Amino acid sequence: MDLIDLMPDVAADRHQISFRLTGPRSEVACAMTREALDAQFWLPPDADQVRMLKAFADGRRRIIAVAERKVRLRPGEPVRLTADDFQIRR
């Protein structure tokens, strides 16, 4: 799957960033919480929309990989990424 929204969208309340993944036969709505950006990509608490998008862009490969994993686990369902989704489980 590939990210198709070149400019992911920051929610008006700045609590999440929305984006879409698409593959040969599907398109999935995705969102990443601000909490996940804080925990995984060091987003400052007072960050504005521009800084949120920068953090998202900096972590894009990892974000897409985690989102794709969730899509495979629950095909066709919207994906919401939280800080827990980025934890390494052994």
N, C-alpha and C. Protein backbone atom coordinates (compact mmCIF):
# COMPACT_ATOMS: atom_id res chain seq x y z
N MET A 1 0.84 -1.17 0.00
CA MET A 1 0.00 0.00 0.00
C MET A 1 0.89 1.24 0.00
N ASP A 2 0.35 2.30 -0.49
CA ASP A 2 1.09 3.56 -0.55
C ASP A 2 0.26 4.67 0.07
N LEU A 3 0.93 5.65 0.62
CA LEU A 3 0.25 6.84 1.11
C LEU A 3 -0.18 7.64 -0.10
N ILE A 4 -1.46 8.03 -0.17
CA ILE A 4 -1.90 8.78 -1.34
C ILE A 4 -2.13 10.26 -1.05
N ASP A 5 -2.39 10.63 0.19
CA ASP A 5 -2.54 12.03 0.51
C ASP A 5 -1.15 12.62 0.69
N LEU A 6 -0.72 13.43 -0.26
CA LEU A 6 0.60 14.02 -0.15
C LEU A 6 0.64 15.03 1.00
N MET A 7 -0.49 15.64 1.30
CA MET A 7 -0.59 16.54 2.43
C MET A 7 -1.60 15.98 3.42
N PRO A 8 -1.14 15.20 4.38
CA PRO A 8 -2.06 14.70 5.39
C PRO A 8 -2.76 15.88 6.06
N ASP A 9 -3.91 15.63 6.63
CA ASP A 9 -4.76 16.68 7.18
C ASP A 9 -4.73 16.67 8.70
N VAL A 10 -4.44 17.83 9.29
CA VAL A 10 -4.46 17.98 10.74
C VAL A 10 -5.88 18.35 11.17
N ALA A 11 -6.41 17.63 12.14
CA ALA A 11 -7.75 17.93 12.65
C ALA A 11 -7.76 19.33 13.26
N ALA A 12 -8.92 19.97 13.22
CA ALA A 12 -9.06 21.34 13.73
C ALA A 12 -8.64 21.44 15.20
N ASP A 13 -8.90 20.40 15.99
CA ASP A 13 -8.52 20.43 17.41
C ASP A 13 -7.07 19.99 17.64
N ARG A 14 -6.37 19.65 16.55
CA ARG A 14 -4.97 19.23 16.56
C ARG A 14 -4.73 17.97 17.42
N HIS A 15 -5.74 17.09 17.49
CA HIS A 15 -5.59 15.85 18.24
C HIS A 15 -5.22 14.67 17.36
N GLN A 16 -5.23 14.85 16.03
CA GLN A 16 -4.83 13.77 15.14
C GLN A 16 -4.53 14.30 13.74
N ILE A 17 -3.85 13.46 12.99
CA ILE A 17 -3.58 13.71 11.58
C ILE A 17 -4.24 12.59 10.79
N SER A 18 -5.01 12.97 9.78
CA SER A 18 -5.69 11.99 8.92
C SER A 18 -4.90 11.81 7.63
N PHE A 19 -4.90 10.58 7.12
CA PHE A 19 -4.26 10.27 5.84
C PHE A 19 -4.92 9.02 5.28
N ARG A 20 -4.61 8.69 4.06
CA ARG A 20 -5.20 7.52 3.41
C ARG A 20 -4.10 6.63 2.85
N LEU A 21 -4.34 5.34 2.92
CA LEU A 21 -3.47 4.35 2.28
C LEU A 21 -4.26 3.72 1.15
N THR A 22 -3.59 3.41 0.07
CA THR A 22 -4.27 2.74 -1.03
C THR A 22 -3.40 1.60 -1.54
N GLY A 23 -4.05 0.59 -2.00
CA GLY A 23 -3.38 -0.56 -2.59
C GLY A 23 -4.07 -0.89 -3.89
N PRO A 24 -3.69 -1.99 -4.51
CA PRO A 24 -4.26 -2.37 -5.80
C PRO A 24 -5.79 -2.51 -5.77
N ARG A 25 -6.34 -2.95 -4.63
CA ARG A 25 -7.79 -3.20 -4.57
C ARG A 25 -8.50 -2.51 -3.42
N SER A 26 -7.79 -1.64 -2.69
CA SER A 26 -8.45 -1.03 -1.54
C SER A 26 -7.87 0.34 -1.21
N GLU A 27 -8.66 1.09 -0.47
CA GLU A 27 -8.26 2.38 0.06
C GLU A 27 -8.75 2.43 1.49
N VAL A 28 -7.89 2.83 2.42
CA VAL A 28 -8.23 2.81 3.83
C VAL A 28 -7.99 4.18 4.45
N ALA A 29 -8.99 4.67 5.19
CA ALA A 29 -8.84 5.92 5.94
C ALA A 29 -8.03 5.62 7.20
N CYS A 30 -7.06 6.49 7.47
CA CYS A 30 -6.18 6.30 8.62
C CYS A 30 -6.08 7.61 9.41
N ALA A 31 -5.74 7.49 10.67
CA ALA A 31 -5.49 8.65 11.52
C ALA A 31 -4.40 8.29 12.50
N MET A 32 -3.60 9.27 12.86
CA MET A 32 -2.55 9.10 13.86
C MET A 32 -2.79 10.12 14.96
N THR A 33 -2.82 9.66 16.20
CA THR A 33 -3.10 10.56 17.31
C THR A 33 -1.91 11.46 17.61
N ARG A 34 -2.23 12.60 18.17
CA ARG A 34 -1.18 13.52 18.61
C ARG A 34 -0.33 12.84 19.69
N GLU A 35 -0.97 12.06 20.54
CA GLU A 35 -0.26 11.32 21.58
C GLU A 35 0.85 10.45 20.98
N ALA A 36 0.54 9.78 19.86
CA ALA A 36 1.54 8.94 19.20
C ALA A 36 2.68 9.79 18.64
N LEU A 37 2.34 10.94 18.07
CA LEU A 37 3.40 11.84 17.57
C LEU A 37 4.27 12.33 18.72
N ASP A 38 3.64 12.63 19.86
CA ASP A 38 4.39 13.07 21.04
C ASP A 38 5.36 11.98 21.50
N ALA A 39 4.83 10.78 21.65
CA ALA A 39 5.61 9.67 22.21
C ALA A 39 6.69 9.15 21.28
N GLN A 40 6.40 9.08 20.00
CA GLN A 40 7.31 8.42 19.07
C GLN A 40 8.18 9.37 18.24
N PHE A 41 7.71 10.59 18.07
CA PHE A 41 8.43 11.50 17.17
C PHE A 41 8.71 12.84 17.83
N TRP A 42 8.69 12.87 19.17
CA TRP A 42 9.11 14.02 19.97
C TRP A 42 8.43 15.33 19.59
N LEU A 43 7.13 15.26 19.36
CA LEU A 43 6.37 16.46 19.05
C LEU A 43 6.22 17.30 20.32
N PRO A 44 6.63 18.56 20.30
CA PRO A 44 6.48 19.40 21.49
C PRO A 44 5.01 19.62 21.84
N PRO A 45 4.68 19.76 23.12
CA PRO A 45 3.29 19.93 23.54
C PRO A 45 2.60 21.15 22.92
N ASP A 46 3.34 22.20 22.64
CA ASP A 46 2.75 23.42 22.09
C ASP A 46 2.86 23.49 20.56
N ALA A 47 3.13 22.38 19.91
CA ALA A 47 3.34 22.36 18.46
C ALA A 47 2.10 22.79 17.70
N ASP A 48 2.32 23.58 16.66
CA ASP A 48 1.23 24.00 15.79
C ASP A 48 1.07 22.98 14.66
N GLN A 49 0.15 23.26 13.74
CA GLN A 49 -0.13 22.33 12.64
C GLN A 49 1.09 22.10 11.76
N VAL A 50 1.87 23.13 11.51
CA VAL A 50 3.05 22.99 10.66
C VAL A 50 4.04 22.02 11.30
N ARG A 51 4.26 22.17 12.60
CA ARG A 51 5.20 21.29 13.30
C ARG A 51 4.67 19.86 13.36
N MET A 52 3.35 19.71 13.50
CA MET A 52 2.76 18.37 13.49
C MET A 52 3.00 17.68 12.15
N LEU A 53 2.79 18.42 11.07
CA LEU A 53 3.01 17.84 9.74
C LEU A 53 4.48 17.52 9.52
N LYS A 54 5.37 18.32 10.07
CA LYS A 54 6.81 18.05 9.95
C LYS A 54 7.16 16.75 10.69
N ALA A 55 6.64 16.59 11.89
CA ALA A 55 6.89 15.35 12.65
C ALA A 55 6.33 14.14 11.90
N PHE A 56 5.15 14.29 11.32
CA PHE A 56 4.55 13.22 10.54
C PHE A 56 5.44 12.89 9.34
N ALA A 57 5.89 13.90 8.63
CA ALA A 57 6.75 13.68 7.46
C ALA A 57 8.06 13.01 7.85
N ASP A 58 8.63 13.42 8.98
CA ASP A 58 9.88 12.83 9.44
C ASP A 58 9.72 11.35 9.77
N GLY A 59 8.55 10.97 10.27
CA GLY A 59 8.32 9.57 10.64
C GLY A 59 7.51 8.80 9.61
N ARG A 60 7.36 9.35 8.44
CA ARG A 60 6.47 8.80 7.42
C ARG A 60 6.68 7.31 7.15
N ARG A 61 7.89 6.88 6.94
CA ARG A 61 8.12 5.46 6.63
C ARG A 61 7.65 4.54 7.76
N ARG A 62 7.99 4.91 8.97
CA ARG A 62 7.59 4.09 10.11
C ARG A 62 6.08 4.12 10.30
N ILE A 63 5.48 5.30 10.14
CA ILE A 63 4.03 5.45 10.28
C ILE A 63 3.31 4.58 9.26
N ILE A 64 3.75 4.63 8.01
CA ILE A 64 3.13 3.82 6.97
C ILE A 64 3.29 2.34 7.26
N ALA A 65 4.46 1.93 7.72
CA ALA A 65 4.68 0.51 8.02
C ALA A 65 3.73 0.03 9.12
N VAL A 66 3.56 0.82 10.15
CA VAL A 66 2.66 0.43 11.26
C VAL A 66 1.21 0.42 10.77
N ALA A 67 0.83 1.41 9.98
CA ALA A 67 -0.53 1.46 9.44
C ALA A 67 -0.81 0.26 8.54
N GLU A 68 0.15 -0.09 7.69
CA GLU A 68 -0.03 -1.24 6.81
C GLU A 68 -0.19 -2.53 7.61
N ARG A 69 0.54 -2.65 8.70
CA ARG A 69 0.41 -3.84 9.55
C ARG A 69 -1.01 -3.93 10.12
N LYS A 70 -1.54 -2.79 10.56
CA LYS A 70 -2.91 -2.80 11.10
C LYS A 70 -3.93 -3.10 10.01
N VAL A 71 -3.69 -2.62 8.80
CA VAL A 71 -4.60 -2.91 7.68
C VAL A 71 -4.64 -4.41 7.43
N ARG A 72 -3.49 -5.07 7.46
CA ARG A 72 -3.44 -6.51 7.23
C ARG A 72 -4.18 -7.28 8.31
N LEU A 73 -4.13 -6.78 9.55
CA LEU A 73 -4.82 -7.45 10.66
C LEU A 73 -6.33 -7.27 10.58
N ARG A 74 -6.78 -6.12 10.08
CA ARG A 74 -8.22 -5.81 9.99
C ARG A 74 -8.54 -5.20 8.64
N PRO A 75 -8.52 -6.01 7.58
CA PRO A 75 -8.77 -5.48 6.24
C PRO A 75 -10.10 -4.75 6.13
N GLY A 76 -10.06 -3.61 5.45
CA GLY A 76 -11.28 -2.86 5.18
C GLY A 76 -11.74 -1.94 6.30
N GLU A 77 -11.12 -2.04 7.48
CA GLU A 77 -11.52 -1.19 8.60
C GLU A 77 -10.63 0.05 8.65
N PRO A 78 -11.19 1.18 9.10
CA PRO A 78 -10.36 2.37 9.27
C PRO A 78 -9.26 2.09 10.31
N VAL A 79 -8.13 2.76 10.17
CA VAL A 79 -6.99 2.55 11.05
C VAL A 79 -6.78 3.80 11.91
N ARG A 80 -6.60 3.60 13.21
CA ARG A 80 -6.27 4.69 14.12
C ARG A 80 -5.00 4.29 14.85
N LEU A 81 -3.92 5.03 14.60
CA LEU A 81 -2.64 4.73 15.22
C LEU A 81 -2.50 5.48 16.54
N THR A 82 -2.15 4.73 17.57
CA THR A 82 -1.90 5.31 18.89
C THR A 82 -0.46 5.00 19.28
N ALA A 83 -0.02 5.55 20.39
CA ALA A 83 1.34 5.30 20.86
C ALA A 83 1.60 3.81 21.07
N ASP A 84 0.58 3.07 21.52
CA ASP A 84 0.73 1.63 21.75
C ASP A 84 1.09 0.87 20.48
N ASP A 85 0.64 1.35 19.33
CA ASP A 85 0.92 0.66 18.07
C ASP A 85 2.39 0.68 17.70
N PHE A 86 3.16 1.57 18.30
CA PHE A 86 4.57 1.71 17.98
C PHE A 86 5.48 1.01 18.98
N GLN A 87 4.88 0.37 20.00
CA GLN A 87 5.66 -0.32 21.02
C GLN A 87 6.22 -1.63 20.44
N ILE A 88 7.44 -1.92 20.80
CA ILE A 88 8.06 -3.18 20.38
C ILE A 88 7.65 -4.27 21.36
N ARG A 89 7.05 -5.31 20.84
CA ARG A 89 6.59 -6.41 21.70
C ARG A 89 7.47 -7.62 21.44
N ARG A 90 7.90 -8.23 22.51
CA ARG A 90 8.77 -9.41 22.39
C ARG A 90 8.07 -10.63 22.93
